Structures are given as structure tokens and as C-alpha cells.
Protein backbone atom coordinates (compact mmCIF):
# COMPACT_ATOMS: atom_id res chain seq x y z
CA MET A 1 17.25 -3.49 12.11
CA PRO A 2 19.63 -6.40 11.67
CA SER A 3 18.16 -9.52 10.14
CA ILE A 4 19.63 -11.60 12.98
CA PRO A 5 19.64 -9.96 16.44
CA ASP A 6 22.85 -10.11 18.47
CA SER A 7 20.89 -11.52 21.41
CA ASN A 8 18.03 -14.01 21.51
CA LYS A 9 16.60 -12.38 24.65
CA ASN A 10 13.48 -10.23 24.39
CA ALA A 11 14.74 -7.83 27.07
CA LEU A 12 17.24 -7.33 29.86
CA THR A 13 16.26 -6.24 33.35
CA LYS A 14 19.53 -4.37 33.77
CA ILE A 15 22.42 -3.24 31.62
CA THR A 16 25.71 -3.71 33.41
CA SER A 17 28.18 -3.36 30.56
CA GLN A 18 28.71 -1.92 27.11
CA GLU A 19 28.37 -5.48 25.77
CA ASP A 20 24.90 -5.79 27.34
CA PHE A 21 23.84 -2.53 25.71
CA ASP A 22 25.35 -3.42 22.34
CA SER A 23 23.58 -6.80 22.33
CA ILE A 24 20.12 -5.14 22.36
CA ALA A 25 20.75 -1.70 20.80
CA ARG A 26 19.99 -0.70 17.24
CA THR A 27 21.46 2.14 15.22
CA TYR A 28 19.69 4.10 12.52
CA HIS A 29 21.72 5.94 9.88
CA GLN A 30 24.89 3.97 10.49
CA ASN A 31 28.15 5.50 9.27
CA THR A 32 26.72 9.02 9.22
CA PRO A 33 27.07 11.93 11.66
CA TYR A 34 23.50 11.15 12.82
CA SER A 35 24.33 7.60 13.88
CA LEU A 36 23.25 6.91 17.46
CA PRO A 37 22.90 3.49 19.12
CA HIS A 38 19.74 3.32 21.23
CA THR A 39 17.30 0.97 22.87
CA MET A 40 13.82 1.23 24.35
CA PHE A 41 12.63 0.52 27.86
CA VAL A 42 9.37 -0.24 29.63
CA ILE A 43 8.52 0.33 33.29
CA ASP A 44 6.08 -2.23 34.68
CA ARG A 45 4.31 -0.28 37.39
CA ARG A 46 2.33 -3.31 38.51
CA ALA A 47 5.54 -5.21 39.23
CA LYS A 48 7.03 -2.63 41.62
CA ASN A 49 8.42 -0.50 38.77
CA LYS A 50 10.43 -3.29 37.20
CA VAL A 51 12.35 -1.99 34.18
CA TYR A 52 12.73 -3.94 30.95
CA PHE A 53 15.38 -2.79 28.47
CA ILE A 54 13.87 -3.98 25.21
CA ASN A 55 15.91 -5.78 22.60
CA SER A 56 15.52 -3.13 19.91
CA GLN A 57 17.04 -5.46 17.35
CA ARG A 58 14.05 -7.79 17.77
CA PHE A 59 11.27 -5.26 18.34
CA ARG A 60 10.71 -2.11 16.32
CA PHE A 61 8.13 -0.60 18.68
CA HIS A 62 7.39 -0.79 22.42
CA LYS A 63 4.00 -2.35 21.69
CA ASP A 64 5.60 -5.25 19.81
CA PHE A 65 7.53 -6.19 22.94
CA LEU A 66 4.46 -5.75 25.12
CA LEU A 67 2.46 -8.09 22.90
CA VAL A 68 5.10 -10.78 23.30
CA ALA A 69 5.46 -10.07 27.02
CA ASP A 70 1.69 -10.49 27.40
CA THR A 71 1.31 -7.13 29.14
CA ILE A 72 -0.42 -5.18 26.38
CA ALA A 73 -3.82 -5.77 28.01
CA ILE A 74 -2.64 -4.01 31.16
CA VAL A 75 -1.44 -0.99 29.17
CA ILE A 76 -4.66 -0.79 27.16
CA ASN A 77 -6.78 -1.08 30.31
CA GLU A 78 -4.80 1.65 32.06
CA ARG A 79 -5.20 4.01 29.10
CA ALA A 80 -8.92 3.32 28.92
CA GLU A 81 -9.23 4.04 32.65
CA VAL A 82 -7.38 7.34 32.28
CA ARG A 83 -9.61 8.36 29.37
CA ARG A 84 -12.73 7.55 31.38
CA MET A 85 -11.52 9.69 34.29
CA HIS A 86 -10.93 12.67 32.00
CA GLU A 87 -14.31 12.30 30.30
CA GLU A 88 -16.27 12.52 33.57
């Protein structure tokens, strides 16, 4: 990951241009045949399926973004609920 992200935003709610994508994408194995720019996304089902395209230059994992976005508790609670349903 770059030491200084191209964008200071945590996420975008839509990507409308190559510049938008490039500002939040990261690339592993640069300058090799395996080089592939990519980003992560999260779907907030409690907010009518709002999509967040995560700034992958700032956050290495989905959970890191969720902690900052203060939604990790929702995800943890949903997983616990699913586990309980399967255990019964």
C-alpha cells in the first residue's frame, strides 16, 4: 500500500470515472504480469443496500474500514444471529 493515499476519503459511494477508481485502488505486484489494480466494497443492507467502495490505499481489510465507519457492531451482531439460528 502507498504510504500516502491518493485520496483522503475513506470510501466512495459510486465510481463514475477511471480517476475515481484509481484514487482508491491498490495494486499488488506492480510491474509484473500479475499486477492488477483492485478495490474492496461493502454493501450496507441496513441502509437500503448502500454500496461503499473502500479506499484500499487506506484500509488493508474490509474490517478496518468497518471499524472506522462504526458499522462493525452491526456485522458482528448479524454473524452471531446467523450462528445462533444454525445451532438451534
